[in-house]
Amino acid sequence: MSNLLTNIILFLIRKDDFMMAMLWAQQIMLGKKEYTQVPRLLKEQVKEILIDSGMEELITE
């Protein structure tokens, strides 16, 4: 039972991470934020979203 609960919690956390990455990518595309401001744990996901959106020029290290 606890294994199922752990898997559900991990799924929800990963889903929230993806939504946060989408929000950051959107803010970067709108010019309200810069890639350098993205939290370290979300950088790879945000980078992938920007590349998939054809906006790789907004990725500045």
N, C-alpha and C. Protein backbone atom coordinates (compact mmCIF):
# COMPACT_ATOMS: atom_id res chain seq x y z
N MET A 1 0.82 -1.20 0.00
CA MET A 1 0.00 0.00 0.00
C MET A 1 0.87 1.26 0.00
N SER A 2 1.93 1.27 0.81
CA SER A 2 2.77 2.47 0.87
C SER A 2 3.53 2.67 -0.44
N ASN A 3 3.83 1.57 -1.13
CA ASN A 3 4.51 1.67 -2.43
C ASN A 3 3.60 2.37 -3.44
N LEU A 4 2.33 2.05 -3.44
CA LEU A 4 1.38 2.69 -4.34
C LEU A 4 1.27 4.18 -4.02
N LEU A 5 1.19 4.50 -2.75
CA LEU A 5 1.12 5.90 -2.32
C LEU A 5 2.37 6.66 -2.73
N THR A 6 3.52 6.05 -2.58
CA THR A 6 4.79 6.67 -2.99
C THR A 6 4.79 6.93 -4.48
N ASN A 7 4.34 5.98 -5.28
CA ASN A 7 4.30 6.15 -6.74
C ASN A 7 3.34 7.27 -7.14
N ILE A 8 2.22 7.37 -6.46
CA ILE A 8 1.25 8.44 -6.76
C ILE A 8 1.86 9.80 -6.44
N ILE A 9 2.52 9.91 -5.30
CA ILE A 9 3.15 11.17 -4.91
C ILE A 9 4.24 11.57 -5.90
N LEU A 10 5.07 10.60 -6.30
CA LEU A 10 6.13 10.89 -7.28
C LEU A 10 5.54 11.32 -8.62
N PHE A 11 4.45 10.69 -9.04
CA PHE A 11 3.79 11.09 -10.29
C PHE A 11 3.31 12.53 -10.22
N LEU A 12 2.69 12.89 -9.11
CA LEU A 12 2.17 14.24 -8.96
C LEU A 12 3.30 15.27 -8.92
N ILE A 13 4.40 14.93 -8.29
CA ILE A 13 5.54 15.85 -8.24
C ILE A 13 6.11 16.05 -9.64
N ARG A 14 6.27 14.96 -10.41
CA ARG A 14 6.80 15.08 -11.77
C ARG A 14 5.86 15.91 -12.64
N LYS A 15 4.56 15.73 -12.47
CA LYS A 15 3.58 16.49 -13.24
C LYS A 15 3.70 17.98 -12.90
N ASP A 16 3.85 18.29 -11.62
CA ASP A 16 4.00 19.68 -11.20
C ASP A 16 5.29 20.28 -11.75
N ASP A 17 6.37 19.50 -11.77
CA ASP A 17 7.63 19.98 -12.33
C ASP A 17 7.47 20.33 -13.80
N PHE A 18 6.76 19.50 -14.54
CA PHE A 18 6.55 19.76 -15.96
C PHE A 18 5.73 21.03 -16.16
N MET A 19 4.71 21.22 -15.35
CA MET A 19 3.88 22.41 -15.47
C MET A 19 4.69 23.67 -15.11
N MET A 20 5.55 23.57 -14.12
CA MET A 20 6.40 24.71 -13.76
C MET A 20 7.38 25.02 -14.89
N ALA A 21 7.92 23.97 -15.52
CA ALA A 21 8.84 24.17 -16.64
C ALA A 21 8.11 24.84 -17.80
N MET A 22 6.88 24.44 -18.05
CA MET A 22 6.09 25.06 -19.12
C MET A 22 5.85 26.54 -18.80
N LEU A 23 5.55 26.84 -17.55
CA LEU A 23 5.32 28.23 -17.15
C LEU A 23 6.58 29.07 -17.35
N TRP A 24 7.73 28.54 -16.92
CA TRP A 24 8.98 29.26 -17.11
C TRP A 24 9.27 29.48 -18.59
N ALA A 25 9.09 28.44 -19.40
CA ALA A 25 9.34 28.57 -20.84
C ALA A 25 8.45 29.64 -21.45
N GLN A 26 7.20 29.67 -21.05
CA GLN A 26 6.28 30.67 -21.56
C GLN A 26 6.72 32.08 -21.18
N GLN A 27 7.13 32.25 -19.93
CA GLN A 27 7.58 33.55 -19.46
C GLN A 27 8.84 34.01 -20.22
N ILE A 28 9.71 33.06 -20.53
CA ILE A 28 10.92 33.38 -21.30
C ILE A 28 10.54 33.78 -22.72
N MET A 29 9.62 33.05 -23.33
CA MET A 29 9.19 33.36 -24.69
C MET A 29 8.51 34.73 -24.76
N LEU A 30 7.83 35.12 -23.70
CA LEU A 30 7.16 36.42 -23.67
C LEU A 30 8.11 37.56 -23.31
N GLY A 31 9.35 37.21 -22.96
CA GLY A 31 10.33 38.23 -22.62
C GLY A 31 10.24 38.74 -21.20
N LYS A 32 9.48 38.06 -20.36
CA LYS A 32 9.31 38.50 -18.98
C LYS A 32 10.38 37.93 -18.05
N LYS A 33 10.98 36.83 -18.45
CA LYS A 33 12.05 36.19 -17.67
C LYS A 33 13.17 35.81 -18.62
N GLU A 34 14.34 35.49 -18.06
CA GLU A 34 15.47 35.02 -18.84
C GLU A 34 15.84 33.61 -18.40
N TYR A 35 16.44 32.87 -19.32
CA TYR A 35 16.81 31.48 -19.04
C TYR A 35 17.72 31.39 -17.81
N THR A 36 18.57 32.38 -17.61
CA THR A 36 19.49 32.36 -16.47
C THR A 36 18.76 32.42 -15.13
N GLN A 37 17.50 32.85 -15.13
CA GLN A 37 16.72 32.95 -13.90
C GLN A 37 16.01 31.64 -13.54
N VAL A 38 16.00 30.68 -14.45
CA VAL A 38 15.29 29.41 -14.22
C VAL A 38 15.97 28.64 -13.08
N PRO A 39 15.19 28.11 -12.13
CA PRO A 39 15.78 27.30 -11.07
C PRO A 39 16.54 26.10 -11.64
N ARG A 40 17.64 25.79 -11.00
CA ARG A 40 18.56 24.73 -11.47
C ARG A 40 17.83 23.42 -11.78
N LEU A 41 16.90 23.02 -10.97
CA LEU A 41 16.23 21.73 -11.15
C LEU A 41 15.27 21.71 -12.35
N LEU A 42 14.91 22.87 -12.87
CA LEU A 42 13.99 22.93 -14.00
C LEU A 42 14.69 23.26 -15.32
N LYS A 43 15.97 23.62 -15.27
CA LYS A 43 16.68 24.10 -16.47
C LYS A 43 16.61 23.13 -17.65
N GLU A 44 16.85 21.85 -17.42
CA GLU A 44 16.85 20.90 -18.54
C GLU A 44 15.48 20.79 -19.19
N GLN A 45 14.43 20.75 -18.38
CA GLN A 45 13.08 20.67 -18.93
C GLN A 45 12.71 21.93 -19.70
N VAL A 46 13.07 23.08 -19.15
CA VAL A 46 12.77 24.35 -19.82
C VAL A 46 13.55 24.43 -21.13
N LYS A 47 14.80 24.01 -21.11
CA LYS A 47 15.63 24.01 -22.31
C LYS A 47 14.99 23.14 -23.40
N GLU A 48 14.54 21.96 -23.02
CA GLU A 48 13.90 21.05 -23.98
C GLU A 48 12.62 21.67 -24.55
N ILE A 49 11.83 22.31 -23.72
CA ILE A 49 10.59 22.95 -24.18
C ILE A 49 10.90 24.08 -25.16
N LEU A 50 11.90 24.89 -24.83
CA LEU A 50 12.27 25.99 -25.72
C LEU A 50 12.78 25.48 -27.07
N ILE A 51 13.58 24.43 -27.04
CA ILE A 51 14.08 23.84 -28.29
C ILE A 51 12.93 23.28 -29.11
N ASP A 52 12.03 22.55 -28.46
CA ASP A 52 10.87 21.97 -29.16
C ASP A 52 9.97 23.05 -29.74
N SER A 53 9.99 24.24 -29.13
CA SER A 53 9.16 25.35 -29.60
C SER A 53 9.85 26.19 -30.66
N GLY A 54 11.08 25.82 -31.01
CA GLY A 54 11.82 26.57 -32.02
C GLY A 54 12.38 27.88 -31.49
N MET A 55 12.58 27.97 -30.20
CA MET A 55 13.05 29.20 -29.58
C MET A 55 14.41 28.99 -28.89
N GLU A 56 15.25 28.14 -29.47
CA GLU A 56 16.53 27.82 -28.82
C GLU A 56 17.44 29.03 -28.68
N GLU A 57 17.19 30.08 -29.45
CA GLU A 57 18.01 31.29 -29.33
C GLU A 57 17.82 32.00 -27.98
N LEU A 58 16.77 31.64 -27.27
CA LEU A 58 16.52 32.25 -25.96
C LEU A 58 17.28 31.56 -24.83
N ILE A 59 17.94 30.46 -25.16
CA ILE A 59 18.71 29.71 -24.15
C ILE A 59 20.10 30.33 -24.07
N THR A 60 20.33 31.04 -22.97
CA THR A 60 21.64 31.65 -22.74
C THR A 60 22.17 31.14 -21.41
N GLU A 61 23.35 30.64 -21.43
CA GLU A 61 23.94 30.07 -20.20
C GLU A 61 24.57 31.14 -19.36
